[in-house]
Amino acid sequence: MSMKRTRRRFSNEFKAKVAIEALKERQTLSELATTFEIHPNQISQWKREFLENADKAFGTGGKDKDTSEADQEKLYSKIGKLEVENDFLKKSLWRTGL
C-alpha cells in the first residue's frame, strides 16, 4: 500500500531566498537542494523566474505612477489640513498667553 504524498507549497519569500542563494553561486545546485530539501531543477526554475521578473522590483511605468500621484495628492491635502490646525492652535495658545 503506497501513501499518497501531498504537494508541498512554498511562499514567495522562500522562493526568492532560494533564488538569491542560487544567484550568489556560493554553493552548487546540489548543495542548495540538500540545504533547502528541494530538487535542483526546482531551484533552477525559481532562479529563472526571479531573473525574468527582476524589473518588477523597481516598479513599472503607468499604473504605479498614477497611484503615486494619487497618493501624493492625498498627502498634500493632509499637509494643508495639518497646517490649518497648527495655525489655529498657535493662535489659541497666543490668546491664552501660554
N, C-alpha and C. Protein backbone atom coordinates (compact mmCIF):
# COMPACT_ATOMS: atom_id res chain seq x y z
N MET A 1 0.84 -1.17 0.00
CA MET A 1 0.00 0.00 0.00
C MET A 1 0.88 1.24 0.00
N SER A 2 0.77 2.06 -1.00
CA SER A 2 1.59 3.26 -1.07
C SER A 2 0.82 4.46 -0.52
N MET A 3 1.55 5.32 0.13
CA MET A 3 0.93 6.53 0.68
C MET A 3 1.02 7.64 -0.35
N LYS A 4 -0.06 8.35 -0.47
CA LYS A 4 -0.08 9.47 -1.40
C LYS A 4 0.65 10.64 -0.77
N ARG A 5 1.61 11.19 -1.48
CA ARG A 5 2.40 12.30 -0.96
C ARG A 5 1.70 13.61 -1.33
N THR A 6 1.52 14.45 -0.33
CA THR A 6 0.87 15.73 -0.59
C THR A 6 1.89 16.71 -1.19
N ARG A 7 1.39 17.55 -2.04
CA ARG A 7 2.23 18.53 -2.72
C ARG A 7 2.62 19.64 -1.75
N ARG A 8 3.91 19.92 -1.69
CA ARG A 8 4.37 21.00 -0.81
C ARG A 8 4.19 22.33 -1.51
N ARG A 9 3.86 23.35 -0.72
CA ARG A 9 3.72 24.71 -1.25
C ARG A 9 4.74 25.60 -0.57
N PHE A 10 5.35 26.45 -1.35
CA PHE A 10 6.39 27.32 -0.82
C PHE A 10 5.96 28.78 -0.97
N SER A 11 6.30 29.58 0.03
CA SER A 11 5.95 31.00 -0.01
C SER A 11 6.83 31.72 -1.02
N ASN A 12 6.37 32.86 -1.47
CA ASN A 12 7.17 33.67 -2.40
C ASN A 12 8.48 34.09 -1.75
N GLU A 13 8.45 34.36 -0.46
CA GLU A 13 9.66 34.76 0.25
C GLU A 13 10.70 33.64 0.24
N PHE A 14 10.23 32.41 0.44
CA PHE A 14 11.13 31.26 0.43
C PHE A 14 11.73 31.07 -0.96
N LYS A 15 10.89 31.17 -1.98
CA LYS A 15 11.37 31.02 -3.36
C LYS A 15 12.42 32.07 -3.69
N ALA A 16 12.17 33.32 -3.28
CA ALA A 16 13.12 34.40 -3.54
C ALA A 16 14.43 34.13 -2.81
N LYS A 17 14.33 33.67 -1.57
CA LYS A 17 15.54 33.38 -0.78
C LYS A 17 16.39 32.32 -1.48
N VAL A 18 15.74 31.26 -1.94
CA VAL A 18 16.46 30.18 -2.63
C VAL A 18 17.07 30.70 -3.93
N ALA A 19 16.30 31.48 -4.69
CA ALA A 19 16.79 32.02 -5.96
C ALA A 19 18.00 32.93 -5.74
N ILE A 20 17.95 33.75 -4.71
CA ILE A 20 19.07 34.65 -4.41
C ILE A 20 20.31 33.84 -4.02
N GLU A 21 20.12 32.81 -3.22
CA GLU A 21 21.26 31.96 -2.86
C GLU A 21 21.85 31.30 -4.10
N ALA A 22 21.00 30.90 -5.03
CA ALA A 22 21.49 30.28 -6.27
C ALA A 22 22.27 31.31 -7.10
N LEU A 23 21.79 32.55 -7.11
CA LEU A 23 22.49 33.59 -7.86
C LEU A 23 23.85 33.94 -7.26
N LYS A 24 23.97 33.80 -5.96
CA LYS A 24 25.24 34.09 -5.29
C LYS A 24 26.33 33.11 -5.70
N GLU A 25 25.91 31.91 -6.10
CA GLU A 25 26.82 30.85 -6.56
C GLU A 25 27.88 30.49 -5.53
N ARG A 26 27.54 30.55 -4.27
CA ARG A 26 28.46 30.13 -3.21
C ARG A 26 28.42 28.62 -3.02
N GLN A 27 27.27 28.03 -3.42
CA GLN A 27 27.08 26.58 -3.33
C GLN A 27 26.57 26.08 -4.67
N THR A 28 26.80 24.81 -4.93
CA THR A 28 26.28 24.21 -6.16
C THR A 28 24.77 24.00 -6.01
N LEU A 29 24.11 23.75 -7.13
CA LEU A 29 22.68 23.47 -7.08
C LEU A 29 22.39 22.25 -6.21
N SER A 30 23.25 21.25 -6.29
CA SER A 30 23.06 20.05 -5.47
C SER A 30 23.16 20.37 -3.99
N GLU A 31 24.12 21.20 -3.62
CA GLU A 31 24.28 21.59 -2.22
C GLU A 31 23.07 22.40 -1.74
N LEU A 32 22.62 23.32 -2.59
CA LEU A 32 21.44 24.11 -2.23
C LEU A 32 20.20 23.22 -2.11
N ALA A 33 20.08 22.25 -3.01
CA ALA A 33 18.95 21.34 -2.98
C ALA A 33 18.93 20.56 -1.67
N THR A 34 20.08 20.13 -1.22
CA THR A 34 20.18 19.42 0.05
C THR A 34 19.84 20.35 1.21
N THR A 35 20.38 21.55 1.17
CA THR A 35 20.14 22.53 2.24
C THR A 35 18.66 22.85 2.38
N PHE A 36 17.99 23.12 1.25
CA PHE A 36 16.59 23.55 1.28
C PHE A 36 15.60 22.40 1.09
N GLU A 37 16.12 21.19 0.91
CA GLU A 37 15.30 19.98 0.74
C GLU A 37 14.32 20.09 -0.43
N ILE A 38 14.85 20.53 -1.57
CA ILE A 38 14.06 20.59 -2.80
C ILE A 38 14.93 20.10 -3.95
N HIS A 39 14.31 19.83 -5.06
CA HIS A 39 15.03 19.29 -6.23
C HIS A 39 15.83 20.41 -6.91
N PRO A 40 17.02 20.10 -7.41
CA PRO A 40 17.84 21.10 -8.11
C PRO A 40 17.11 21.76 -9.29
N ASN A 41 16.27 21.00 -10.00
CA ASN A 41 15.52 21.57 -11.11
C ASN A 41 14.57 22.67 -10.64
N GLN A 42 14.02 22.49 -9.44
CA GLN A 42 13.11 23.48 -8.88
C GLN A 42 13.87 24.78 -8.60
N ILE A 43 15.09 24.65 -8.11
CA ILE A 43 15.92 25.82 -7.84
C ILE A 43 16.21 26.56 -9.14
N SER A 44 16.54 25.81 -10.17
CA SER A 44 16.82 26.43 -11.48
C SER A 44 15.60 27.17 -12.01
N GLN A 45 14.42 26.58 -11.84
CA GLN A 45 13.19 27.22 -12.31
C GLN A 45 12.94 28.52 -11.54
N TRP A 46 13.06 28.49 -10.20
CA TRP A 46 12.83 29.69 -9.40
C TRP A 46 13.84 30.78 -9.72
N LYS A 47 15.09 30.37 -9.98
CA LYS A 47 16.14 31.33 -10.34
C LYS A 47 15.78 32.00 -11.67
N ARG A 48 15.34 31.21 -12.63
CA ARG A 48 14.96 31.75 -13.94
C ARG A 48 13.77 32.72 -13.80
N GLU A 49 12.75 32.33 -13.03
CA GLU A 49 11.59 33.19 -12.82
C GLU A 49 11.99 34.48 -12.11
N PHE A 50 12.89 34.36 -11.15
CA PHE A 50 13.36 35.52 -10.40
C PHE A 50 14.03 36.52 -11.34
N LEU A 51 14.89 36.03 -12.21
CA LEU A 51 15.59 36.90 -13.15
C LEU A 51 14.64 37.51 -14.18
N GLU A 52 13.65 36.73 -14.64
CA GLU A 52 12.69 37.23 -15.62
C GLU A 52 11.82 38.35 -15.05
N ASN A 53 11.59 38.33 -13.75
CA ASN A 53 10.72 39.31 -13.11
C ASN A 53 11.48 40.36 -12.30
N ALA A 54 12.78 40.42 -12.46
CA ALA A 54 13.60 41.35 -11.67
C ALA A 54 13.21 42.80 -11.92
N ASP A 55 12.77 43.13 -13.13
CA ASP A 55 12.41 44.52 -13.45
C ASP A 55 11.22 45.00 -12.62
N LYS A 56 10.39 44.09 -12.14
CA LYS A 56 9.21 44.47 -11.35
C LYS A 56 9.60 44.94 -9.95
N ALA A 57 10.79 44.63 -9.52
CA ALA A 57 11.24 45.05 -8.20
C ALA A 57 11.35 46.57 -8.12
N PHE A 58 11.55 47.22 -9.24
CA PHE A 58 11.71 48.67 -9.27
C PHE A 58 10.49 49.37 -9.83
N GLY A 59 9.39 48.66 -9.93
CA GLY A 59 8.13 49.25 -10.38
C GLY A 59 8.04 49.31 -11.89
N THR A 60 6.81 49.56 -12.33
CA THR A 60 6.56 49.70 -13.75
C THR A 60 6.03 51.10 -14.01
N GLY A 61 5.97 51.47 -15.23
CA GLY A 61 5.59 52.83 -15.60
C GLY A 61 4.21 53.28 -15.22
N GLY A 62 3.21 53.00 -16.01
CA GLY A 62 1.89 53.60 -15.94
C GLY A 62 1.13 53.49 -14.65
N LYS A 63 0.76 52.32 -14.26
CA LYS A 63 -0.15 52.14 -13.13
C LYS A 63 0.45 52.66 -11.83
N ASP A 64 1.69 52.33 -11.56
CA ASP A 64 2.34 52.78 -10.33
C ASP A 64 2.45 54.30 -10.28
N LYS A 65 2.70 54.91 -11.44
CA LYS A 65 2.83 56.36 -11.49
C LYS A 65 1.50 57.02 -11.13
N ASP A 66 0.39 56.51 -11.67
CA ASP A 66 -0.93 57.05 -11.34
C ASP A 66 -1.22 56.92 -9.86
N THR A 67 -0.89 55.76 -9.32
CA THR A 67 -1.12 55.51 -7.90
C THR A 67 -0.30 56.46 -7.05
N SER A 68 0.95 56.67 -7.40
CA SER A 68 1.79 57.54 -6.59
C SER A 68 1.32 59.00 -6.69
N GLU A 69 0.81 59.40 -7.85
CA GLU A 69 0.29 60.76 -7.98
C GLU A 69 -0.96 60.95 -7.12
N ALA A 70 -1.80 59.92 -7.07
CA ALA A 70 -3.00 59.99 -6.22
C ALA A 70 -2.59 60.05 -4.75
N ASP A 71 -1.62 59.24 -4.39
CA ASP A 71 -1.12 59.26 -3.01
C ASP A 71 -0.51 60.61 -2.67
N GLN A 72 0.21 61.19 -3.62
CA GLN A 72 0.84 62.48 -3.42
C GLN A 72 -0.23 63.56 -3.18
N GLU A 73 -1.31 63.52 -3.94
CA GLU A 73 -2.40 64.49 -3.75
C GLU A 73 -3.01 64.36 -2.36
N LYS A 74 -3.20 63.13 -1.91
CA LYS A 74 -3.74 62.90 -0.56
C LYS A 74 -2.80 63.47 0.49
N LEU A 75 -1.50 63.26 0.30
CA LEU A 75 -0.52 63.78 1.26
C LEU A 75 -0.51 65.30 1.29
N TYR A 76 -0.59 65.94 0.12
CA TYR A 76 -0.64 67.40 0.08
C TYR A 76 -1.89 67.92 0.79
N SER A 77 -2.99 67.24 0.59
CA SER A 77 -4.24 67.62 1.25
C SER A 77 -4.08 67.50 2.77
N LYS A 78 -3.49 66.41 3.21
CA LYS A 78 -3.28 66.19 4.64
C LYS A 78 -2.35 67.26 5.22
N ILE A 79 -1.30 67.61 4.49
CA ILE A 79 -0.37 68.66 4.95
C ILE A 79 -1.11 69.98 5.11
N GLY A 80 -1.96 70.29 4.14
CA GLY A 80 -2.75 71.52 4.22
C GLY A 80 -3.63 71.55 5.45
N LYS A 81 -4.31 70.46 5.73
CA LYS A 81 -5.18 70.38 6.91
C LYS A 81 -4.36 70.54 8.19
N LEU A 82 -3.21 69.89 8.23
CA LEU A 82 -2.37 69.98 9.42
C LEU A 82 -1.84 71.40 9.63
N GLU A 83 -1.51 72.09 8.54
CA GLU A 83 -1.04 73.47 8.66
C GLU A 83 -2.15 74.37 9.22
N VAL A 84 -3.38 74.16 8.76
CA VAL A 84 -4.51 74.95 9.26
C VAL A 84 -4.70 74.67 10.76
N GLU A 85 -4.66 73.39 11.15
CA GLU A 85 -4.80 73.05 12.56
C GLU A 85 -3.67 73.64 13.39
N ASN A 86 -2.47 73.59 12.86
CA ASN A 86 -1.30 74.13 13.56
C ASN A 86 -1.45 75.64 13.77
N ASP A 87 -1.87 76.35 12.73
CA ASP A 87 -2.09 77.80 12.85
C ASP A 87 -3.16 78.11 13.88
N PHE A 88 -4.23 77.32 13.87
CA PHE A 88 -5.32 77.51 14.83
C PHE A 88 -4.81 77.33 16.26
N LEU A 89 -4.03 76.29 16.47
CA LEU A 89 -3.51 76.04 17.81
C LEU A 89 -2.53 77.11 18.25
N LYS A 90 -1.70 77.60 17.34
CA LYS A 90 -0.77 78.68 17.67
C LYS A 90 -1.55 79.92 18.11
N LYS A 91 -2.59 80.27 17.37
CA LYS A 91 -3.41 81.45 17.70
C LYS A 91 -4.11 81.24 19.05
N SER A 92 -4.60 80.03 19.29
CA SER A 92 -5.28 79.74 20.56
C SER A 92 -4.32 79.87 21.74
N LEU A 93 -3.10 79.37 21.57
CA LEU A 93 -2.10 79.50 22.64
C LEU A 93 -1.69 80.95 22.85
N TRP A 94 -1.57 81.70 21.75
CA TRP A 94 -1.18 83.09 21.87
C TRP A 94 -2.23 83.89 22.62
N ARG A 95 -3.51 83.59 22.38
CA ARG A 95 -4.61 84.28 23.03
C ARG A 95 -4.67 83.96 24.53
N THR A 96 -4.29 82.74 24.89
CA THR A 96 -4.34 82.36 26.30
C THR A 96 -3.09 82.81 27.05
N GLY A 97 -2.10 83.27 26.33
CA GLY A 97 -0.87 83.79 26.95
C GLY A 97 0.15 82.73 27.32
N LEU A 98 0.04 81.54 26.77
CA LEU A 98 1.00 80.49 27.06
C LEU A 98 2.15 80.62 26.17
